[in-house]
């Protein structure tokens, strides 16, 4: 599913979603966005390293380069809700990954040539195109809910709060693994209009998943 261009990747941003993965045998994209300059960010499950990953990629002298932050632990529980988030600090040129509100190691420094030169194109949910206009691939298998986008760098505390569930009184309780339903968001409301997406094992027209 594609939406409007919701984040300008030339500047700091944070993206997050609740994910319920049903099949971990291939690469599974949660959120991605590719600009006309072919710069890209992608939040996904990697079957290659068996971890969640937040990746920035760009082209340099015609060659695709990439750097990413990986989850600290291997293995992802299937049919279980997990909150994943990725942030990009434009000033420091760093990316960071969070799983269930916890930072996954230190921020990862990017190359000085990694800057996006355009705002980006439509935000994609459950798929990725590595170059502008290319075929989509790495389709999600499972469910994605409560997608959120901020045009700023969230702090660790912000992400931890975002990963909590809220009851009808906006009181936080433990990050249970039932389907999340948030009564509100804190500290900054993300872009509206991103609702639950459900992905079958194979979508019509879905090409074979390709690894990075």
N, C-alpha and C. Protein backbone atom coordinates (compact mmCIF):
# COMPACT_ATOMS: atom_id res chain seq x y z
N UNK A 1 0.84 -1.19 0.00
CA UNK A 1 0.00 0.00 0.00
C UNK A 1 0.87 1.23 0.00
N UNK A 2 0.55 2.21 -0.84
CA UNK A 2 1.28 3.46 -0.87
C UNK A 2 0.41 4.60 -0.37
N UNK A 3 1.02 5.58 0.24
CA UNK A 3 0.31 6.75 0.73
C UNK A 3 0.95 7.98 0.11
N UNK A 4 0.60 9.15 0.60
CA UNK A 4 1.28 10.37 0.19
C UNK A 4 2.70 10.39 0.73
N UNK A 5 3.51 11.32 0.22
CA UNK A 5 4.84 11.52 0.77
C UNK A 5 4.68 12.15 2.15
N UNK A 6 4.86 11.36 3.19
CA UNK A 6 4.57 11.81 4.55
C UNK A 6 5.79 12.27 5.31
N UNK A 7 6.98 12.01 4.81
CA UNK A 7 8.18 12.41 5.53
C UNK A 7 9.22 12.90 4.54
N UNK A 8 9.84 14.02 4.86
CA UNK A 8 10.92 14.57 4.05
C UNK A 8 12.22 13.98 4.59
N UNK A 9 12.79 13.05 3.83
CA UNK A 9 13.94 12.30 4.33
C UNK A 9 15.24 13.10 4.28
N UNK A 10 15.19 14.35 3.84
CA UNK A 10 16.38 15.21 3.92
C UNK A 10 16.60 15.70 5.35
N UNK A 11 15.57 15.58 6.18
CA UNK A 11 15.63 16.08 7.55
C UNK A 11 15.37 14.95 8.54
N UNK A 12 15.56 15.23 9.81
CA UNK A 12 15.35 14.21 10.85
C UNK A 12 13.91 13.72 10.84
N UNK A 13 13.74 12.43 11.11
CA UNK A 13 12.40 11.86 11.18
C UNK A 13 12.42 10.58 12.01
N UNK A 14 11.23 10.15 12.39
CA UNK A 14 11.05 8.88 13.10
C UNK A 14 9.81 8.20 12.53
N UNK A 15 9.88 6.88 12.36
CA UNK A 15 8.73 6.10 11.90
C UNK A 15 8.56 4.92 12.85
N UNK A 16 7.32 4.46 13.00
CA UNK A 16 7.08 3.31 13.87
C UNK A 16 5.83 2.58 13.44
N UNK A 17 5.68 1.35 13.92
CA UNK A 17 4.49 0.55 13.63
C UNK A 17 4.45 -0.63 14.58
N UNK A 18 3.23 -1.15 14.79
CA UNK A 18 3.05 -2.45 15.43
C UNK A 18 3.01 -3.49 14.32
N UNK A 19 3.74 -4.59 14.51
CA UNK A 19 3.85 -5.62 13.48
C UNK A 19 3.54 -6.98 14.09
N UNK A 20 2.76 -7.76 13.35
CA UNK A 20 2.46 -9.14 13.73
C UNK A 20 2.88 -10.00 12.55
N UNK A 21 4.09 -10.56 12.64
CA UNK A 21 4.69 -11.30 11.54
C UNK A 21 4.20 -12.75 11.55
N UNK A 22 3.72 -13.23 10.40
CA UNK A 22 3.22 -14.61 10.34
C UNK A 22 4.17 -15.56 9.62
N UNK A 23 5.16 -15.01 8.91
CA UNK A 23 6.11 -15.86 8.19
C UNK A 23 7.46 -15.16 8.14
N UNK A 24 8.49 -15.82 8.64
CA UNK A 24 9.83 -15.22 8.71
C UNK A 24 10.81 -15.88 7.76
N UNK A 25 10.29 -16.53 6.72
CA UNK A 25 11.17 -17.25 5.81
C UNK A 25 11.79 -16.36 4.76
N UNK A 26 11.35 -15.10 4.68
CA UNK A 26 11.88 -14.18 3.68
C UNK A 26 11.95 -12.77 4.27
N UNK A 27 12.48 -11.84 3.48
CA UNK A 27 12.56 -10.45 3.91
C UNK A 27 11.15 -9.86 3.92
N UNK A 28 10.78 -9.14 5.01
CA UNK A 28 9.43 -8.62 5.17
C UNK A 28 9.50 -7.12 5.51
N UNK A 29 9.06 -6.30 4.58
CA UNK A 29 9.11 -4.85 4.79
C UNK A 29 7.90 -4.37 5.58
N UNK A 30 8.14 -3.50 6.53
CA UNK A 30 7.08 -2.87 7.31
C UNK A 30 6.75 -1.51 6.71
N UNK A 31 7.73 -0.61 6.69
CA UNK A 31 7.57 0.72 6.11
C UNK A 31 8.79 1.03 5.25
N UNK A 32 8.57 1.75 4.14
CA UNK A 32 9.70 2.17 3.31
C UNK A 32 9.29 3.41 2.51
N UNK A 33 10.31 4.11 2.02
CA UNK A 33 10.07 5.26 1.15
C UNK A 33 11.30 5.48 0.30
N UNK A 34 11.11 5.62 -1.01
CA UNK A 34 12.20 5.80 -1.96
C UNK A 34 11.98 7.08 -2.75
N UNK A 35 12.99 7.94 -2.79
CA UNK A 35 12.89 9.20 -3.50
C UNK A 35 13.29 9.07 -4.96
N UNK A 36 13.06 10.13 -5.72
CA UNK A 36 13.42 10.13 -7.14
C UNK A 36 14.93 10.08 -7.33
N UNK A 37 15.70 10.41 -6.28
CA UNK A 37 17.16 10.27 -6.33
C UNK A 37 17.59 8.87 -5.91
N UNK A 38 16.60 7.98 -5.66
CA UNK A 38 16.81 6.58 -5.27
C UNK A 38 17.36 6.43 -3.86
N UNK A 39 17.35 7.51 -3.07
CA UNK A 39 17.64 7.35 -1.65
C UNK A 39 16.44 6.68 -1.00
N UNK A 40 16.68 5.92 0.07
CA UNK A 40 15.62 5.07 0.60
C UNK A 40 15.80 4.87 2.10
N UNK A 41 14.66 4.75 2.82
CA UNK A 41 14.73 4.19 4.16
C UNK A 41 13.78 3.00 4.20
N UNK A 42 14.09 2.05 5.07
CA UNK A 42 13.28 0.84 5.15
C UNK A 42 13.35 0.26 6.55
N UNK A 43 12.18 -0.02 7.11
CA UNK A 43 12.04 -0.69 8.41
C UNK A 43 11.51 -2.08 8.11
N UNK A 44 12.27 -3.12 8.48
CA UNK A 44 11.89 -4.45 7.99
C UNK A 44 12.47 -5.58 8.85
N UNK A 45 11.97 -6.79 8.56
CA UNK A 45 12.54 -8.01 9.13
C UNK A 45 13.47 -8.62 8.09
N UNK A 46 14.69 -8.94 8.49
CA UNK A 46 15.66 -9.57 7.61
C UNK A 46 15.77 -11.05 7.92
N UNK A 47 15.41 -11.88 6.94
CA UNK A 47 15.59 -13.32 7.13
C UNK A 47 17.06 -13.70 7.04
N UNK A 48 17.88 -12.81 6.46
CA UNK A 48 19.30 -13.08 6.34
C UNK A 48 20.00 -13.07 7.69
N UNK A 49 19.68 -12.08 8.53
CA UNK A 49 20.30 -11.99 9.86
C UNK A 49 19.30 -12.33 10.97
N UNK A 50 18.04 -12.60 10.56
CA UNK A 50 16.98 -12.99 11.50
C UNK A 50 16.76 -11.95 12.59
N UNK A 51 16.67 -10.70 12.15
CA UNK A 51 16.49 -9.58 13.07
C UNK A 51 15.67 -8.49 12.41
N UNK A 52 15.14 -7.59 13.23
CA UNK A 52 14.57 -6.35 12.72
C UNK A 52 15.71 -5.43 12.32
N UNK A 53 15.48 -4.62 11.27
CA UNK A 53 16.52 -3.73 10.74
C UNK A 53 15.89 -2.39 10.36
N UNK A 54 16.61 -1.30 10.60
CA UNK A 54 16.25 0.00 10.05
C UNK A 54 17.40 0.44 9.17
N UNK A 55 17.13 0.63 7.88
CA UNK A 55 18.18 0.82 6.87
C UNK A 55 18.00 2.13 6.12
N UNK A 56 19.12 2.81 5.87
CA UNK A 56 19.16 3.91 4.91
C UNK A 56 20.02 3.46 3.73
N UNK A 57 19.58 3.76 2.51
CA UNK A 57 20.39 3.43 1.34
C UNK A 57 20.40 4.61 0.38
N UNK A 58 21.41 4.65 -0.47
CA UNK A 58 21.61 5.75 -1.41
C UNK A 58 22.50 5.26 -2.53
N UNK A 59 22.53 6.01 -3.61
CA UNK A 59 23.39 5.66 -4.74
C UNK A 59 24.56 6.63 -4.81
N UNK A 60 25.74 6.05 -4.99
CA UNK A 60 26.97 6.83 -5.07
C UNK A 60 27.77 6.33 -6.26
N UNK A 61 27.95 7.21 -7.25
CA UNK A 61 28.64 6.85 -8.49
C UNK A 61 28.00 5.62 -9.15
N UNK A 62 26.67 5.59 -9.09
CA UNK A 62 25.94 4.51 -9.74
C UNK A 62 25.88 3.22 -8.95
N UNK A 63 26.42 3.21 -7.75
CA UNK A 63 26.45 2.00 -6.92
C UNK A 63 25.58 2.20 -5.70
N UNK A 64 24.74 1.23 -5.40
CA UNK A 64 23.87 1.34 -4.24
C UNK A 64 24.66 1.06 -2.96
N UNK A 65 24.62 2.01 -2.03
CA UNK A 65 25.27 1.86 -0.74
C UNK A 65 24.20 1.85 0.35
N UNK A 66 24.49 1.25 1.48
CA UNK A 66 23.51 1.22 2.57
C UNK A 66 24.19 1.02 3.91
N UNK A 67 23.55 1.54 4.93
CA UNK A 67 23.98 1.34 6.31
C UNK A 67 22.70 1.18 7.15
N UNK A 68 22.76 0.32 8.16
CA UNK A 68 21.56 0.11 8.96
C UNK A 68 21.86 -0.26 10.39
N UNK A 69 20.83 -0.17 11.20
CA UNK A 69 20.89 -0.58 12.60
C UNK A 69 20.10 -1.87 12.76
N UNK A 70 20.73 -2.87 13.36
CA UNK A 70 20.10 -4.18 13.56
C UNK A 70 19.65 -4.37 15.00
N UNK A 71 18.61 -5.19 15.18
CA UNK A 71 18.22 -5.59 16.52
C UNK A 71 19.35 -6.35 17.19
N UNK A 72 19.44 -6.25 18.49
CA UNK A 72 20.55 -6.87 19.21
C UNK A 72 20.39 -8.37 19.35
N UNK A 73 19.16 -8.88 19.26
CA UNK A 73 18.92 -10.31 19.43
C UNK A 73 18.34 -10.91 18.16
N UNK A 74 18.73 -12.13 17.86
CA UNK A 74 18.17 -12.82 16.70
C UNK A 74 16.83 -13.44 17.07
N UNK A 75 16.07 -13.74 16.03
CA UNK A 75 14.79 -14.41 16.23
C UNK A 75 13.66 -13.43 16.47
N UNK A 76 12.55 -13.66 15.79
CA UNK A 76 11.35 -12.84 15.95
C UNK A 76 10.17 -13.77 16.19
N UNK A 77 9.43 -13.58 17.29
CA UNK A 77 8.29 -14.46 17.55
C UNK A 77 7.20 -14.24 16.50
N UNK A 78 6.66 -15.32 15.97
CA UNK A 78 5.60 -15.22 14.97
C UNK A 78 4.24 -15.07 15.64
N UNK A 79 3.32 -14.46 14.89
CA UNK A 79 1.93 -14.28 15.35
C UNK A 79 1.87 -13.58 16.71
N UNK A 80 2.77 -12.62 16.88
CA UNK A 80 2.89 -11.86 18.12
C UNK A 80 3.09 -10.39 17.77
N UNK A 81 2.38 -9.52 18.46
CA UNK A 81 2.53 -8.09 18.18
C UNK A 81 3.85 -7.56 18.76
N UNK A 82 4.60 -6.86 17.92
CA UNK A 82 5.88 -6.26 18.29
C UNK A 82 5.87 -4.81 17.81
N UNK A 83 6.36 -3.90 18.63
CA UNK A 83 6.47 -2.50 18.22
C UNK A 83 7.88 -2.24 17.74
N UNK A 84 8.01 -1.74 16.50
CA UNK A 84 9.32 -1.43 15.94
C UNK A 84 9.34 0.03 15.50
N UNK A 85 10.48 0.67 15.65
CA UNK A 85 10.62 2.08 15.28
C UNK A 85 12.04 2.33 14.78
N UNK A 86 12.16 3.27 13.86
CA UNK A 86 13.46 3.68 13.36
C UNK A 86 13.54 5.20 13.31
N UNK A 87 14.70 5.74 13.63
CA UNK A 87 14.87 7.20 13.59
C UNK A 87 16.12 7.56 12.80
N UNK A 88 16.04 8.75 12.19
CA UNK A 88 17.18 9.29 11.45
C UNK A 88 17.49 10.67 11.99
N UNK A 89 18.73 10.87 12.42
CA UNK A 89 19.21 12.14 12.92
C UNK A 89 20.01 12.80 11.80
N UNK A 90 19.40 13.81 11.14
CA UNK A 90 20.05 14.43 10.00
C UNK A 90 21.30 15.21 10.39
N UNK A 91 21.29 15.81 11.58
CA UNK A 91 22.44 16.60 12.01
C UNK A 91 23.67 15.72 12.24
N UNK A 92 23.45 14.59 12.88
CA UNK A 92 24.56 13.68 13.17
C UNK A 92 24.76 12.62 12.09
N UNK A 93 23.81 12.52 11.16
CA UNK A 93 23.82 11.49 10.13
C UNK A 93 23.92 10.10 10.76
N UNK A 94 22.93 9.81 11.60
CA UNK A 94 22.87 8.54 12.30
C UNK A 94 21.47 7.96 12.23
N UNK A 95 21.40 6.62 12.26
CA UNK A 95 20.12 5.93 12.35
C UNK A 95 20.10 5.09 13.63
N UNK A 96 18.87 4.85 14.13
CA UNK A 96 18.72 4.06 15.34
C UNK A 96 17.46 3.22 15.23
N UNK A 97 17.52 2.01 15.77
CA UNK A 97 16.39 1.08 15.75
C UNK A 97 15.91 0.83 17.17
N UNK A 98 14.59 0.69 17.31
CA UNK A 98 13.97 0.37 18.59
C UNK A 98 13.05 -0.83 18.41
N UNK A 99 13.05 -1.73 19.39
CA UNK A 99 12.11 -2.86 19.41
C UNK A 99 11.41 -2.86 20.76
N UNK A 100 10.09 -2.79 20.73
CA UNK A 100 9.28 -2.71 21.95
C UNK A 100 9.75 -1.58 22.87
N UNK A 101 10.08 -0.45 22.24
CA UNK A 101 10.45 0.74 22.98
C UNK A 101 11.87 0.79 23.47
N UNK A 102 12.67 -0.23 23.18
CA UNK A 102 14.05 -0.28 23.68
C UNK A 102 15.04 -0.02 22.55
N UNK A 103 16.01 0.88 22.76
CA UNK A 103 17.05 1.09 21.75
C UNK A 103 17.84 -0.19 21.52
N UNK A 104 18.13 -0.47 20.27
CA UNK A 104 18.88 -1.67 19.92
C UNK A 104 20.35 -1.31 19.68
N UNK A 105 21.08 -1.20 20.77
CA UNK A 105 22.47 -0.81 20.67
C UNK A 105 22.61 0.68 20.42
N UNK A 106 23.80 1.08 20.05
CA UNK A 106 24.09 2.49 19.81
C UNK A 106 23.60 2.90 18.42
N UNK A 107 23.48 4.21 18.22
CA UNK A 107 23.15 4.72 16.89
C UNK A 107 24.25 4.36 15.91
N UNK A 108 23.86 4.17 14.64
CA UNK A 108 24.82 3.78 13.61
C UNK A 108 25.10 4.99 12.72
N UNK A 109 26.37 5.34 12.58
CA UNK A 109 26.77 6.49 11.76
C UNK A 109 26.70 6.14 10.28
N UNK A 110 26.21 7.10 9.47
CA UNK A 110 26.12 6.92 8.03
C UNK A 110 27.26 7.67 7.34
N UNK A 111 27.46 7.33 6.10
CA UNK A 111 28.46 8.02 5.30
C UNK A 111 28.06 9.48 5.09
N UNK A 112 29.05 10.33 4.91
CA UNK A 112 28.77 11.74 4.66
C UNK A 112 28.10 11.97 3.31
N UNK A 113 28.12 10.94 2.47
CA UNK A 113 27.49 11.04 1.14
C UNK A 113 26.09 10.46 1.11
N UNK A 114 25.55 10.12 2.27
CA UNK A 114 24.27 9.41 2.33
C UNK A 114 23.05 10.33 2.31
N UNK A 115 23.25 11.64 2.34
CA UNK A 115 22.12 12.57 2.41
C UNK A 115 21.18 12.42 1.23
N UNK A 116 19.87 12.41 1.53
CA UNK A 116 18.87 12.47 0.46
C UNK A 116 18.88 13.86 -0.15
N UNK A 117 18.64 13.95 -1.46
CA UNK A 117 18.65 15.24 -2.14
C UNK A 117 17.25 15.72 -2.49
N UNK A 118 16.25 14.84 -2.32
CA UNK A 118 14.85 15.20 -2.56
C UNK A 118 14.03 14.74 -1.36
N UNK A 119 12.79 15.24 -1.26
CA UNK A 119 11.96 14.94 -0.10
C UNK A 119 11.61 13.46 -0.02
N UNK A 120 11.37 12.82 -1.15
CA UNK A 120 10.96 11.42 -1.16
C UNK A 120 9.65 11.27 -1.89
N UNK A 121 9.20 10.04 -2.04
CA UNK A 121 7.94 9.77 -2.72
C UNK A 121 6.94 9.22 -1.71
N UNK A 122 5.98 8.44 -2.16
CA UNK A 122 4.94 7.93 -1.27
C UNK A 122 5.50 6.93 -0.26
N UNK A 123 5.02 7.06 0.97
CA UNK A 123 5.36 6.08 2.00
C UNK A 123 4.69 4.76 1.66
N UNK A 124 5.45 3.68 1.72
CA UNK A 124 4.94 2.35 1.40
C UNK A 124 4.78 1.52 2.68
N UNK A 125 3.68 0.81 2.76
CA UNK A 125 3.41 -0.07 3.89
C UNK A 125 3.42 -1.51 3.39
N UNK A 126 4.32 -2.31 3.94
CA UNK A 126 4.35 -3.73 3.60
C UNK A 126 5.04 -4.08 2.31
N UNK A 127 5.87 -3.19 1.75
CA UNK A 127 6.60 -3.48 0.53
C UNK A 127 7.68 -2.41 0.32
N UNK A 128 8.57 -2.65 -0.66
CA UNK A 128 9.65 -1.71 -0.93
C UNK A 128 10.01 -1.75 -2.41
N UNK A 129 10.42 -0.60 -2.95
CA UNK A 129 11.06 -0.50 -4.26
C UNK A 129 12.40 0.17 -4.03
N UNK A 130 13.48 -0.45 -4.45
CA UNK A 130 14.80 0.06 -4.12
C UNK A 130 15.24 1.22 -5.00
N UNK A 131 14.61 1.37 -6.16
CA UNK A 131 14.85 2.53 -7.01
C UNK A 131 13.50 3.10 -7.43
N UNK A 132 13.48 4.38 -7.74
CA UNK A 132 12.24 5.06 -8.10
C UNK A 132 11.61 4.41 -9.32
N UNK A 133 10.32 4.01 -9.20
CA UNK A 133 9.61 3.39 -10.31
C UNK A 133 9.89 1.91 -10.48
N UNK A 134 10.69 1.33 -9.62
CA UNK A 134 11.04 -0.09 -9.73
C UNK A 134 9.88 -0.96 -9.22
N UNK A 135 9.97 -2.26 -9.46
CA UNK A 135 8.96 -3.21 -9.01
C UNK A 135 9.02 -3.36 -7.50
N UNK A 136 7.85 -3.43 -6.87
CA UNK A 136 7.80 -3.63 -5.42
C UNK A 136 8.13 -5.08 -5.08
N UNK A 137 8.73 -5.26 -3.92
CA UNK A 137 9.14 -6.59 -3.48
C UNK A 137 9.20 -6.64 -1.96
N UNK A 138 9.65 -7.77 -1.42
CA UNK A 138 9.78 -7.98 0.03
C UNK A 138 8.45 -7.74 0.74
N UNK A 139 7.37 -8.27 0.19
CA UNK A 139 6.04 -8.02 0.74
C UNK A 139 5.90 -8.59 2.16
N UNK A 140 5.16 -7.85 2.98
CA UNK A 140 4.88 -8.27 4.35
C UNK A 140 3.97 -9.50 4.35
N UNK A 141 4.21 -10.39 5.30
CA UNK A 141 3.31 -11.50 5.56
C UNK A 141 2.89 -11.39 7.02
N UNK A 142 1.65 -10.98 7.25
CA UNK A 142 1.17 -10.76 8.61
C UNK A 142 0.32 -9.51 8.67
N UNK A 143 0.43 -8.77 9.75
CA UNK A 143 -0.38 -7.57 9.95
C UNK A 143 0.49 -6.40 10.41
N UNK A 144 0.11 -5.21 9.96
CA UNK A 144 0.78 -3.97 10.36
C UNK A 144 -0.30 -3.01 10.84
N UNK A 145 -0.10 -2.41 12.01
CA UNK A 145 -1.12 -1.53 12.58
C UNK A 145 -0.44 -0.33 13.23
N UNK A 146 -1.24 0.72 13.44
CA UNK A 146 -0.79 1.91 14.17
C UNK A 146 0.52 2.48 13.62
N UNK A 147 0.59 2.57 12.27
CA UNK A 147 1.77 3.19 11.67
C UNK A 147 1.83 4.67 12.06
N UNK A 148 3.03 5.18 12.30
CA UNK A 148 3.17 6.57 12.74
C UNK A 148 4.43 7.18 12.13
N UNK A 149 4.34 8.48 11.82
CA UNK A 149 5.44 9.21 11.20
C UNK A 149 5.60 10.55 11.90
N UNK A 150 6.82 10.89 12.25
CA UNK A 150 7.13 12.21 12.83
C UNK A 150 8.22 12.85 12.00
N UNK A 151 8.06 14.12 11.68
CA UNK A 151 9.11 14.86 10.99
C UNK A 151 10.05 15.48 12.02
N UNK A 152 10.54 14.64 12.91
CA UNK A 152 11.51 15.06 13.92
C UNK A 152 12.10 13.82 14.56
N UNK A 153 13.17 14.03 15.29
CA UNK A 153 13.84 12.93 15.98
C UNK A 153 13.19 12.71 17.34
N UNK A 154 12.59 11.56 17.56
CA UNK A 154 12.04 11.24 18.88
C UNK A 154 13.16 10.83 19.82
N UNK A 155 13.02 11.16 21.10
CA UNK A 155 13.99 10.72 22.10
C UNK A 155 13.71 9.26 22.45
N UNK A 156 14.63 8.66 23.19
CA UNK A 156 14.42 7.29 23.66
C UNK A 156 13.15 7.20 24.51
N UNK A 157 12.94 8.20 25.36
CA UNK A 157 11.75 8.20 26.21
C UNK A 157 10.47 8.33 25.37
N UNK A 158 10.52 9.16 24.33
CA UNK A 158 9.38 9.31 23.43
C UNK A 158 8.99 7.96 22.82
N UNK A 159 9.99 7.24 22.31
CA UNK A 159 9.72 5.96 21.66
C UNK A 159 9.20 4.95 22.68
N UNK A 160 9.77 4.96 23.88
CA UNK A 160 9.30 4.03 24.92
C UNK A 160 7.84 4.28 25.24
N UNK A 161 7.43 5.56 25.29
CA UNK A 161 6.04 5.90 25.54
C UNK A 161 5.16 5.46 24.38
N UNK A 162 5.65 5.67 23.17
CA UNK A 162 4.89 5.29 21.98
C UNK A 162 4.66 3.77 21.94
N UNK A 163 5.59 3.01 22.49
CA UNK A 163 5.49 1.55 22.45
C UNK A 163 4.57 0.99 23.54
N UNK A 164 4.10 1.84 24.44
CA UNK A 164 3.17 1.39 25.46
C UNK A 164 1.76 1.37 24.91
N UNK A 165 0.93 0.53 25.51
CA UNK A 165 -0.49 0.53 25.20
C UNK A 165 -1.21 1.43 26.18
N UNK A 166 -2.27 2.05 25.73
CA UNK A 166 -3.07 2.92 26.58
C UNK A 166 -4.48 2.38 26.70
N UNK A 167 -5.05 2.47 27.91
CA UNK A 167 -6.44 2.08 28.08
C UNK A 167 -7.35 3.25 27.73
N UNK A 168 -8.65 3.10 27.98
CA UNK A 168 -9.59 4.14 27.60
C UNK A 168 -9.40 5.43 28.37
N UNK A 169 -8.65 5.39 29.47
CA UNK A 169 -8.36 6.58 30.26
C UNK A 169 -6.99 7.17 29.94
N UNK A 170 -6.38 6.68 28.84
CA UNK A 170 -5.05 7.12 28.43
C UNK A 170 -3.98 6.77 29.46
N UNK A 171 -4.22 5.74 30.24
CA UNK A 171 -3.24 5.27 31.22
C UNK A 171 -2.44 4.12 30.60
N UNK A 172 -1.13 4.22 30.71
CA UNK A 172 -0.28 3.20 30.10
C UNK A 172 -0.33 1.91 30.90
N UNK A 173 -0.30 0.80 30.17
CA UNK A 173 -0.11 -0.49 30.82
C UNK A 173 0.89 -1.28 30.01
N UNK A 174 1.24 -2.45 30.48
CA UNK A 174 2.36 -3.19 29.89
C UNK A 174 2.14 -3.44 28.40
N UNK A 175 3.25 -3.56 27.66
CA UNK A 175 3.16 -3.80 26.23
C UNK A 175 2.71 -5.24 25.99
N UNK A 176 1.43 -5.46 26.14
CA UNK A 176 0.85 -6.78 25.92
C UNK A 176 0.97 -7.16 24.47
N UNK A 177 0.81 -8.41 24.16
CA UNK A 177 0.97 -8.87 22.81
C UNK A 177 -0.35 -9.20 22.14
N UNK A 178 -1.44 -8.66 22.67
CA UNK A 178 -2.70 -8.72 21.94
C UNK A 178 -2.72 -7.56 20.95
N UNK A 179 -3.73 -7.51 20.11
CA UNK A 179 -3.77 -6.45 19.10
C UNK A 179 -3.80 -5.08 19.76
N UNK A 180 -2.91 -4.18 19.41
CA UNK A 180 -2.85 -2.88 20.08
C UNK A 180 -3.97 -1.97 19.66
N UNK A 181 -4.48 -1.22 20.61
CA UNK A 181 -5.43 -0.16 20.30
C UNK A 181 -5.07 1.03 21.17
N UNK A 182 -4.63 2.11 20.55
CA UNK A 182 -4.18 3.27 21.27
C UNK A 182 -5.29 4.31 21.33
N UNK A 183 -5.56 4.83 22.52
CA UNK A 183 -6.57 5.88 22.67
C UNK A 183 -6.00 7.24 22.31
N UNK A 184 -4.68 7.38 22.37
CA UNK A 184 -4.05 8.65 22.06
C UNK A 184 -2.59 8.37 21.75
N UNK A 185 -1.88 9.42 21.36
CA UNK A 185 -0.45 9.29 21.12
C UNK A 185 0.28 10.38 21.87
N UNK A 186 1.48 10.08 22.26
CA UNK A 186 2.30 11.01 23.02
C UNK A 186 3.75 10.78 22.59
N UNK A 187 4.55 11.84 22.43
CA UNK A 187 4.27 13.22 22.77
C UNK A 187 3.77 14.06 21.59
N UNK A 188 3.89 13.53 20.36
CA UNK A 188 3.49 14.32 19.20
C UNK A 188 2.62 13.47 18.31
N UNK A 189 1.49 14.00 17.89
CA UNK A 189 0.59 13.24 17.04
C UNK A 189 1.25 12.99 15.69
N UNK A 190 1.27 11.77 15.21
CA UNK A 190 1.83 11.48 13.90
C UNK A 190 0.83 11.85 12.81
N UNK A 191 1.24 11.65 11.58
CA UNK A 191 0.36 11.94 10.47
C UNK A 191 -0.84 11.01 10.52
N UNK A 192 -2.03 11.56 10.36
CA UNK A 192 -3.25 10.76 10.44
C UNK A 192 -3.45 9.97 9.15
N UNK A 193 -4.36 9.01 9.21
CA UNK A 193 -4.78 8.30 8.02
C UNK A 193 -4.10 6.98 7.77
N UNK A 194 -3.18 6.56 8.63
CA UNK A 194 -2.53 5.27 8.47
C UNK A 194 -3.20 4.28 9.41
N UNK A 195 -3.94 3.35 8.84
CA UNK A 195 -4.66 2.39 9.65
C UNK A 195 -4.15 0.99 9.40
N UNK A 196 -4.82 0.03 10.00
CA UNK A 196 -4.36 -1.36 9.96
C UNK A 196 -4.28 -1.89 8.53
N UNK A 197 -3.24 -2.64 8.27
CA UNK A 197 -3.08 -3.32 7.00
C UNK A 197 -2.83 -4.80 7.28
N UNK A 198 -3.53 -5.65 6.54
CA UNK A 198 -3.41 -7.09 6.73
C UNK A 198 -2.85 -7.70 5.45
N UNK A 199 -1.80 -8.49 5.58
CA UNK A 199 -1.11 -9.02 4.42
C UNK A 199 -1.16 -10.53 4.42
N UNK A 200 -1.66 -11.14 3.35
CA UNK A 200 -1.67 -12.61 3.27
C UNK A 200 -0.27 -13.14 3.04
N UNK A 201 -0.18 -14.44 3.01
CA UNK A 201 1.11 -15.07 2.76
C UNK A 201 1.71 -14.62 1.43
N UNK A 202 0.88 -14.43 0.43
CA UNK A 202 1.35 -13.98 -0.87
C UNK A 202 0.30 -13.07 -1.48
N UNK A 203 0.68 -11.88 -1.89
CA UNK A 203 -0.24 -10.96 -2.50
C UNK A 203 -0.33 -11.21 -4.00
N UNK A 204 -1.48 -10.90 -4.63
CA UNK A 204 -1.57 -11.03 -6.08
C UNK A 204 -0.49 -10.20 -6.76
N UNK A 205 0.25 -10.83 -7.66
CA UNK A 205 1.30 -10.13 -8.38
C UNK A 205 2.58 -9.96 -7.58
N UNK A 206 2.65 -10.57 -6.43
CA UNK A 206 3.84 -10.44 -5.57
C UNK A 206 4.99 -11.21 -6.17
N UNK A 207 6.10 -10.54 -6.54
CA UNK A 207 7.25 -11.25 -7.06
C UNK A 207 7.99 -11.97 -5.92
N UNK A 208 8.90 -12.82 -6.28
CA UNK A 208 9.70 -13.50 -5.27
C UNK A 208 10.50 -12.48 -4.49
N UNK A 209 10.55 -12.66 -3.18
CA UNK A 209 11.26 -11.71 -2.33
C UNK A 209 12.74 -11.74 -2.66
N UNK A 210 13.36 -10.59 -2.63
CA UNK A 210 14.80 -10.47 -2.91
C UNK A 210 15.50 -9.94 -1.69
N UNK A 211 16.68 -10.45 -1.43
CA UNK A 211 17.46 -10.00 -0.27
C UNK A 211 18.28 -8.78 -0.65
N UNK A 212 18.75 -8.10 0.38
CA UNK A 212 19.62 -6.94 0.15
C UNK A 212 21.05 -7.42 -0.09
